[in-house]
Protein backbone atom coordinates (compact mmCIF):
# COMPACT_ATOMS: atom_id res chain seq x y z
CA MET A 1 14.90 73.18 78.19
CA PRO A 2 17.54 71.52 76.41
CA ASP A 3 19.33 68.15 77.87
CA TRP A 4 22.73 69.45 77.94
CA GLN A 5 21.75 72.73 80.11
CA ARG A 6 19.88 70.45 82.49
CA LEU A 7 23.08 67.96 82.69
CA ILE A 8 25.68 70.83 83.07
CA PRO A 9 25.12 71.20 86.71
CA CYS A 10 25.90 67.48 87.44
CA PHE A 11 29.36 68.14 86.79
CA THR A 12 32.05 69.17 88.65
CA ALA A 13 33.41 72.95 88.11
CA ASN A 14 36.06 72.09 86.43
CA TYR A 15 34.29 69.78 84.09
CA GLN A 16 31.82 73.13 83.30
CA SER A 17 35.09 75.30 82.35
CA GLN A 18 36.23 71.98 80.12
CA ILE A 19 32.39 71.80 78.61
CA LEU A 20 32.84 75.90 77.62
CA ARG A 21 35.77 75.62 76.46
CA ASP A 22 34.23 73.01 73.89
CA CYS A 23 31.32 74.82 73.06
CA ALA A 24 34.21 78.35 72.15
CA PHE A 25 36.03 76.02 69.78
CA GLY A 26 32.98 74.50 68.09
CA ASN A 27 32.96 71.19 69.85
CA ALA A 28 30.16 69.24 71.33
CA PRO A 29 30.31 70.16 75.17
CA ARG A 30 31.85 67.31 76.94
CA ALA A 31 32.34 66.21 80.62
CA ILE A 32 35.80 64.79 80.38
CA LEU A 33 35.63 62.11 83.61
CA PRO A 34 38.41 59.77 84.11
CA ALA A 35 38.03 56.78 81.96
CA GLN A 36 35.94 53.79 83.85
CA PRO A 37 37.76 50.08 83.36
CA GLY A 38 36.60 48.64 79.58
CA GLN A 39 35.65 52.43 78.65
CA SER A 40 36.67 55.29 76.08
CA GLN A 41 36.94 59.32 77.03
CA ARG A 42 35.59 59.37 73.30
CA GLY A 43 32.00 59.19 72.15
CA ASP A 44 29.18 58.70 75.09
CA VAL A 45 30.23 59.75 78.18
CA PRO A 46 29.47 58.34 81.29
CA THR A 47 28.46 61.12 84.09
CA ARG A 48 28.33 60.27 87.80
CA ASP A 49 25.13 60.80 90.30
CA LEU A 50 26.07 64.51 91.15
CA LYS A 51 23.41 66.55 93.06
CA GLY A 52 21.04 63.82 92.05
CA CYS A 53 21.23 63.84 88.74
CA ALA A 54 20.78 60.23 86.72
CA GLN A 55 23.59 58.18 85.38
CA ALA A 56 22.95 58.24 81.31
CA GLN A 57 24.87 58.21 78.44
CA PHE A 58 24.44 61.78 76.62
CA ARG A 59 25.70 63.37 73.34
CA VAL A 60 24.99 67.02 72.88
CA LYS A 61 25.36 69.64 70.67
CA ALA A 62 26.01 73.27 71.78
CA PRO A 63 23.09 75.77 70.43
CA LYS A 64 24.20 78.63 68.13
CA PRO A 65 23.41 81.56 71.01
CA LEU A 66 25.77 79.53 73.11
CA LYS A 67 28.41 79.59 71.24
CA ILE A 68 27.94 83.13 70.33
CA TYR A 69 27.85 83.78 73.89
CA ILE A 70 30.86 82.05 75.03
CA LEU A 71 33.25 83.54 72.06
CA PHE A 72 32.32 86.84 73.01
CA ASN A 73 33.25 86.30 76.55
CA SER A 74 36.09 84.53 75.08
CA LEU A 75 37.41 87.51 73.00
CA THR A 76 36.38 90.08 76.22
CA ALA A 77 38.88 87.50 78.21
CA ILE A 78 41.63 88.48 75.28
CA ALA A 79 41.27 92.16 75.40
CA GLY A 80 41.60 91.72 79.22
CA LEU A 81 44.91 90.03 78.96
CA GLN A 82 45.51 92.58 76.57
CA LYS A 83 45.23 95.05 79.10
CA ASP A 84 46.81 93.68 81.50
CA TYR A 85 49.79 93.19 79.26
CA THR A 86 49.91 96.74 78.55
CA LYS A 87 49.56 97.75 82.59
CA MET A 88 52.70 95.12 83.18
CA LYS A 89 54.67 96.85 80.22
CA VAL A 90 54.13 100.30 81.93
CA PHE A 91 54.64 98.77 85.27
CA LEU A 92 57.98 96.82 84.27
CA GLY A 93 59.36 100.32 82.38
CA ILE A 94 58.69 102.27 85.55
CA LEU A 95 60.36 99.95 87.57
CA ALA A 96 63.54 99.92 85.18
CA GLY A 97 63.10 104.00 85.38
CA VAL A 98 63.51 103.70 89.11
CA LEU A 99 66.55 101.19 89.23
CA VAL A 100 68.63 102.85 86.38
CA VAL A 101 67.97 106.18 88.76
CA ALA A 102 68.99 104.43 92.23
CA ILE A 103 71.57 102.82 90.32
CA LEU A 104 72.41 106.46 89.33
CA VAL A 105 72.10 108.02 92.98
CA VAL A 106 74.34 105.05 94.75
CA GLN A 107 77.35 106.36 91.63
CA TRP A 108 77.12 110.04 92.42
CA GLY A 109 77.02 109.23 96.03
CA LEU A 110 80.22 107.07 95.97
CA TRP A 111 81.92 109.81 94.10
CA VAL A 112 80.93 112.27 96.33
CA LEU A 113 82.41 110.00 99.48
CA SER A 114 85.45 109.24 97.54
CA GLY A 115 86.47 113.20 97.00
CA SER A 116 84.17 113.92 94.09
CA PRO A 117 87.18 113.77 91.96
CA ALA A 118 87.42 115.39 88.93
CA PRO A 119 87.81 113.65 84.84
CA ASN A 120 91.62 112.22 84.91
CA ILE A 121 92.24 114.88 81.65
CA PRO A 122 95.72 115.44 82.09
CA PRO A 123 96.60 119.29 80.79
CA ALA A 124 99.80 119.54 78.31
CA ARG A 125 102.65 118.96 79.25
CA THR A 126 105.61 121.86 80.25
CA PRO A 127 108.74 121.44 77.90
CA ALA A 128 111.91 121.63 78.94
CA PRO A 129 113.55 125.29 78.81
CA ALA A 130 115.92 125.94 75.93
CA GLY A 131 119.47 124.56 76.57
CA PHE A 132 118.30 122.17 80.11
CA ASP A 133 120.90 119.40 81.02
CA ALA A 134 119.25 117.04 83.05
CA SER A 135 122.84 115.78 83.74
CA ALA A 136 123.92 118.98 85.85
CA TYR A 137 121.37 118.48 88.52
CA GLN A 138 122.79 116.11 91.48
CA ASP A 139 120.09 113.94 93.99
CA MET A 140 119.27 116.33 96.74
CA ASP A 141 120.44 113.40 99.10
CA SER A 142 124.04 113.63 97.52
CA VAL A 143 124.92 117.49 96.90
CA VAL A 144 128.28 118.85 97.25
CA SER A 145 130.16 121.85 98.00
CA THR A 146 130.42 124.21 94.46
CA GLU A 147 132.91 126.97 94.66
CA ASP A 148 129.93 129.20 95.25
CA ALA A 149 128.00 127.54 97.87
CA ASP A 150 128.97 125.37 101.33
CA VAL A 151 126.04 122.68 101.50
CA ARG A 152 125.78 120.90 104.20
CA VAL A 153 122.79 117.45 103.69
CA ILE A 154 120.86 116.46 106.67
CA SER A 155 120.34 112.97 105.87
CA SER A 156 116.88 111.64 106.34
CA ASP A 157 118.27 108.66 108.59
CA MET A 158 119.03 111.84 111.33
CA GLY A 159 115.28 111.75 112.09
CA PHE A 160 114.89 115.69 110.79
CA ARG A 161 112.16 117.35 112.41
CA GLU A 162 111.91 121.19 113.10
CA TYR A 163 114.32 124.14 113.15
CA TYR A 164 114.50 127.51 115.39
CA THR A 165 116.37 130.38 115.82
CA ILE A 166 117.80 132.46 119.11
CA PRO A 167 117.23 135.88 117.66
CA ASP A 168 119.28 137.81 120.41
CA LEU A 169 122.60 135.72 119.53
CA GLY A 170 121.93 134.89 115.90
CA VAL A 171 121.62 131.64 115.99
CA THR A 172 119.73 128.80 114.49
CA TYR A 173 119.64 124.98 115.88
CA LEU A 174 118.10 122.00 114.40
CA ILE A 175 116.35 119.41 116.03
CA LEU A 176 116.80 115.91 114.60
CA SER A 177 116.10 112.51 116.20
CA THR A 178 118.95 109.57 115.99
CA ALA A 179 118.13 106.01 115.29
CA GLU A 180 118.50 105.60 119.56
CA GLY A 181 115.36 108.03 119.88
CA LYS A 182 117.41 110.44 121.85
CA LYS A 183 117.45 114.32 120.08
CA ARG A 184 119.97 115.72 118.18
CA TYR A 185 120.51 119.60 117.93
CA ILE A 186 122.77 121.47 115.53
CA PHE A 187 123.58 125.14 116.32
CA LEU A 188 124.73 127.61 113.67
CA ASN A 189 126.18 130.94 114.18
CA ALA A 190 124.58 134.12 112.05
CA GLN A 191 126.81 133.16 109.13
CA GLY A 192 125.38 129.94 108.98
CA GLN A 193 128.25 128.04 110.43
CA GLU A 194 128.05 125.17 112.89
CA ILE A 195 129.10 126.27 116.61
CA GLY A 196 127.97 123.26 118.88
CA GLU A 197 125.91 120.02 118.75
CA ILE A 198 124.18 118.30 121.68
CA ILE A 199 122.99 114.38 121.40
CA ASP A 200 120.47 114.19 124.93
CA GLN A 201 117.78 112.47 125.94
CA PRO A 202 114.19 112.48 124.20
CA GLN A 203 112.97 114.86 127.17
CA THR A 204 115.40 117.54 125.96
CA PHE A 205 113.54 120.95 125.39
CA SER A 206 114.68 124.12 124.26
CA LEU A 207 114.32 127.65 126.53
CA GLY A 208 115.67 130.23 124.42
CA ARG A 209 120.15 130.33 125.11
CA TYR A 210 119.33 127.25 127.67
CA ILE A 211 118.80 123.87 126.48
CA VAL A 212 117.38 121.73 129.54
CA THR A 213 116.73 117.93 130.41
CA LEU A 214 116.19 116.06 133.29
CA ASP A 215 119.95 116.10 134.38
CA GLY A 216 121.05 119.16 133.41
CA TYR A 217 121.36 122.11 130.96
CA TYR A 218 123.25 123.65 128.42
CA VAL A 219 124.19 127.28 127.40
CA VAL A 220 124.09 128.67 123.76
CA SER A 221 126.26 131.75 122.87
CA SER A 222 126.38 133.06 119.48
CA GLN A 223 129.78 131.25 118.95
CA SER A 224 129.63 128.08 121.18
CA VAL A 225 127.30 125.47 123.27
CA THR A 226 128.51 124.49 126.71
CA GLU A 227 128.81 120.97 128.05
CA ARG A 228 125.60 119.36 130.17
CA LEU A 229 126.01 121.57 133.42
CA PRO A 230 124.39 120.37 136.82
CA TYR A 231 121.11 121.76 138.65
CA VAL A 232 121.14 122.62 141.85
CA ASP A 233 118.71 120.06 143.99
CA VAL A 234 116.73 121.95 146.77
CA LYS A 235 113.89 121.04 148.87
CA ALA A 236 110.44 120.89 147.28
CA PRO A 237 108.31 123.95 147.90
CA SER A 238 104.74 123.86 149.31
CA ALA A 239 102.40 124.69 146.69
CA ALA A 240 101.71 128.37 147.27
CA ASP A 241 106.16 128.41 147.34
CA LEU A 242 106.26 126.82 144.17
CA ASN A 243 103.51 128.81 142.28
CA ALA A 244 105.52 132.07 143.68
CA MET A 245 108.87 130.20 142.50
CA VAL A 246 107.71 130.04 138.90
CA GLU A 247 106.48 133.75 138.81
CA GLN A 248 109.55 134.92 140.09
CA SER A 249 112.03 132.76 137.89
CA THR A 250 113.06 133.66 134.19
CA HIS A 251 112.87 130.11 132.67
CA TYR A 252 110.55 127.47 133.61
CA ARG A 253 109.94 123.75 132.77
CA SER A 254 108.44 120.38 134.73
CA TYR A 255 108.43 116.67 133.20
CA SER A 256 105.58 114.50 134.44
CA TYR A 257 103.54 111.49 133.33
CA THR A 258 105.30 109.14 131.35
CA ASP A 259 108.29 112.41 130.81
CA LEU A 260 109.43 111.36 134.55
CA PRO A 261 110.67 107.88 134.75
CA GLY A 262 109.25 106.07 137.44
CA ASN A 263 105.89 107.43 137.17
CA ASP A 264 103.31 104.52 137.24
CA LEU A 265 99.99 106.04 136.30
CA ALA A 266 98.14 102.52 136.53
CA LYS A 267 99.08 102.71 139.95
CA GLY A 268 98.76 106.29 140.61
CA ILE A 269 102.17 106.93 141.31
CA ASN A 270 102.33 110.66 139.62
CA ARG A 271 105.55 112.77 140.16
CA GLU A 272 106.48 116.39 138.59
CA MET A 273 110.03 116.99 138.23
CA HIS A 274 111.10 120.69 138.14
CA VAL A 275 113.48 122.32 136.64
CA MET A 276 114.17 126.36 137.13
CA LEU A 277 115.92 129.68 136.33
CA HIS A 278 115.53 131.01 139.82
CA ASP A 279 117.38 133.95 141.69
CA GLY A 280 120.31 133.11 138.91
CA VAL A 281 120.76 129.36 139.74
CA TRP A 282 119.34 126.66 138.05
CA LYS A 283 117.56 124.73 140.22
CA ARG A 284 115.60 121.20 140.80
CA PHE A 285 113.37 119.53 142.45
CA THR A 286 110.12 117.10 143.15
CA THR A 287 106.62 117.35 143.94
CA PRO A 288 103.95 114.46 144.27
CA GLU A 289 101.54 115.66 141.54
CA PRO A 290 101.53 117.86 138.81
CA GLN A 291 101.23 121.82 138.52
CA PRO A 292 99.06 123.40 135.70
CA VAL A 293 102.00 125.45 134.50
CA ASN A 294 104.35 123.97 131.74
CA TRP A 295 107.21 125.48 130.46
CA LYS A 296 107.77 129.15 130.41
CA GLY A 297 110.55 131.49 129.36
CA THR A 298 111.01 131.58 125.11
CA ASP A 299 109.12 131.83 122.48
CA PHE A 300 109.99 129.25 119.21
CA PRO A 301 110.76 132.06 116.44
CA GLY A 302 111.64 130.09 112.76
CA LEU A 303 113.37 131.14 109.92
CA ILE A 304 111.54 133.65 106.98
CA GLN A 305 109.36 130.86 105.05
CA THR A 306 108.57 131.06 101.37
CA TYR A 307 106.54 128.29 101.55
CA GLY A 308 106.93 126.92 98.30
CA VAL A 309 109.07 127.19 95.49
CA TYR A 310 107.91 128.22 91.56
CA ARG A 311 108.98 128.38 88.21
CA SER A 312 110.28 131.44 87.27
CA GLY A 313 107.53 134.37 86.78
CA TYR A 314 105.05 132.61 89.47
CA GLU A 315 106.82 133.45 92.54
CA PRO A 316 104.73 135.60 95.47
CA ARG A 317 105.12 138.81 96.18
CA ILE A 318 107.05 138.39 99.85
CA GLU A 319 107.76 141.67 101.96
CA ASP A 320 111.00 142.76 101.65
CA ILE A 321 112.23 140.43 98.99
CA GLU A 322 115.03 142.76 97.93
CA ARG A 323 116.94 141.77 101.26
CA LEU A 324 116.59 138.04 100.61
CA ARG A 325 119.79 137.11 98.77
CA PHE A 326 118.93 133.65 98.51
CA ARG A 327 116.00 132.34 96.17
CA VAL A 328 114.90 128.57 94.79
CA GLU A 329 113.64 128.39 91.09
CA LEU A 330 111.77 125.28 89.67
CA THR A 331 113.77 124.78 86.57
CA HIS A 332 111.96 122.00 85.03
CA PHE A 333 109.25 119.60 85.98
CA ASP A 334 109.54 116.34 84.32
CA GLN A 335 105.78 115.46 84.59
CA ASN A 336 105.38 111.75 84.46
CA GLU A 337 101.75 110.78 85.93
CA PHE A 338 98.93 113.23 86.56
CA LEU A 339 96.45 113.35 89.12
CA PRO A 340 93.09 115.41 88.85
CA ARG A 341 91.55 117.40 91.32
CA ARG A 342 90.02 115.45 94.54
CA GLY A 343 87.31 116.86 97.44
CA ALA A 344 88.00 115.52 101.04
CA ALA A 345 86.54 112.35 101.39
CA PHE A 346 83.38 111.48 103.27
CA GLY A 347 84.37 111.07 106.86
CA SER A 348 88.49 112.47 106.34
CA PRO A 349 89.99 113.73 109.72
CA THR A 350 91.63 116.63 108.06
CA GLY A 351 88.99 117.88 105.61
CA GLN A 352 91.42 118.18 102.97
CA GLY A 353 91.02 117.06 99.46
CA ARG A 354 93.72 117.25 96.58
CA ARG A 355 95.02 119.73 94.35
CA ALA A 356 95.48 118.54 90.92
CA GLN A 357 99.13 117.59 90.22
CA TRP A 358 102.12 116.44 88.40
CA ILE A 359 104.57 113.61 89.93
CA GLY A 360 107.97 113.49 88.43
CA THR A 361 110.93 114.51 88.78
CA GLY A 362 111.82 118.08 90.18
CA TYR A 363 114.90 120.09 89.06
CA TYR A 364 115.86 122.97 91.11
CA THR A 365 118.26 125.95 91.01
CA VAL A 366 119.54 127.78 94.53
CA PHE A 367 120.51 131.52 93.39
CA ILE A 368 122.67 133.49 95.70
CA ASP A 369 122.41 137.58 94.62
CA ASP A 370 120.56 136.67 91.32
CA LYS A 371 124.06 134.16 90.32
CA PRO A 372 123.06 130.24 90.28
CA VAL A 373 125.46 128.43 92.84
CA LEU A 374 123.70 125.02 93.08
CA ARG A 375 121.44 122.89 90.86
CA PHE A 376 119.82 120.09 92.62
CA LYS A 377 116.93 117.74 91.56
CA LEU A 378 114.31 115.49 93.39
CA ASN A 379 112.44 112.27 92.45
CA ASN A 380 109.20 111.55 93.09
CA ASP A 381 108.56 115.22 93.31
CA ARG A 382 104.85 117.01 92.95
CA GLU A 383 104.48 120.17 90.94
CA TYR A 384 100.55 121.69 91.44
CA ILE A 385 98.64 122.83 88.84
CA GLY A 386 97.53 126.49 88.45
CA ARG A 387 100.34 127.50 91.06
CA LYS A 388 103.33 126.10 88.59
CA GLY A 389 104.78 125.10 91.87
CA THR A 390 106.22 122.48 94.12
CA ASP A 391 106.07 121.80 98.17
CA LEU A 392 109.44 122.48 98.65
CA PHE A 393 110.04 124.56 101.50
CA PRO A 394 113.17 127.32 101.89
CA ALA A 395 113.73 128.81 104.85
CA LEU A 396 115.91 131.81 105.10
CA SER A 397 117.85 133.41 108.07
CA PRO A 398 117.25 136.69 108.88
CA GLU A 399 120.94 137.78 108.39
CA GLY A 400 120.46 136.58 104.82
CA THR A 401 123.67 134.48 105.16
CA PHE A 402 121.91 131.08 105.03
CA ILE A 403 119.43 129.10 103.74
CA LEU A 404 117.55 125.70 104.83
CA ILE A 405 115.76 123.22 101.72
CA GLU A 406 113.34 121.46 103.31
CA LYS A 407 111.17 118.22 101.92
CA SER A 408 108.28 116.84 104.03
CA HIS A 409 107.17 113.37 101.99
CA ARG A 410 103.61 111.90 102.36
CA ASN A 411 105.50 108.98 103.53
CA GLY A 412 107.07 110.55 106.66
CA LYS A 413 110.37 110.96 105.34
CA ARG A 414 112.05 114.46 105.50
CA GLN A 415 115.09 115.95 103.30
CA ALA A 416 117.07 118.98 103.75
CA LEU A 417 119.96 120.87 102.97
CA ILE A 418 121.68 123.41 104.52
CA VAL A 419 123.14 126.50 101.84
CA ARG A 420 125.43 128.93 102.83
CA ASP A 421 127.53 131.76 100.86
CA ALA A 422 130.88 130.48 100.39
CA ARG A 423 132.52 133.43 99.93
CA LEU A 424 132.09 134.13 103.77
CA ASN A 425 134.95 132.00 104.36
CA GLU A 426 137.35 134.42 102.63
CA ARG A 427 135.97 137.22 105.20
């Protein structure tokens, strides 16, 4: 066995690796040991006594077969590295694909959670009709009467809330809120003329031709409204007698919880006040605990609603439309900003999305018997794509003598107009 083969075991594993690398590049194998004082790492390299090997100086040359063997092993190692590199590229490609898919899934999820909005591609704007003059249209909040139409503006600062009718009297009443938190009632007769007004407690409640409060009641007729009248206070009956009285009464209303002053739910105080029209007399009494019946005596019929205003030719069919003398038409809509369709967002409490729509200024014309009698405009209005209409709500009186036009904004503001036929003043 050659000397160099016998000497290799004398070195540590790291030094053996150095010998093999030297042979791979055609150099004499040598162990690279830390230099001793006065010695160099070139030329003869002293070995240490490892595993019983005697210290010796040597210079060795790698035989040709060993060079071939080591070169073969080196090439094999290089080929292995290339295979590993190829595998790494495949892995990185797969990882990149997974990341792209994950990003797309996240984006899709965010799109769905936000309501799946459609692309913001606005349709072509609708041009104004021939002869249109925007200066002929007044702001809805400041419309004034014309020769053919008497107009009353229900100011937004009055807190317009709702409206109902009393069919057997031909009376319509509007309910508003005052700045002090009270309720305000405005009563109109069958011709749309104001016949009375009530401003009273926030607990004021409508029971057909009677308007009841904590302290008294009002009586409405076809042409007037009384002052507040007092109740007759009576002794509270037993629970059984109370139920019998409620059954016998024609109109009934109770007040409890926070509606009744003096109650303190935290202290367990929850009295109930009862007011009822019993045996032709309005009676009042209080019981220590609430009863299941809250009110009786009337429905709350409204006006004839058309649920939207449309461009000419797009109006939906309304039953008995020929007898509705009033109508409102969207003459033109100045389309400023387009909002695309969007579904309901994830977790939406209403489950409602958004229809594709334009935001801008709506220009409206009121007709009586197909004659244009009033023009007004509404800023920050919305026109919905497809239906060619807005959410301005007209409500017509059953007698066909006036129309109430209402606009509810998303910020809670409400505007309303009452338009009546001015020719009725001549009759």
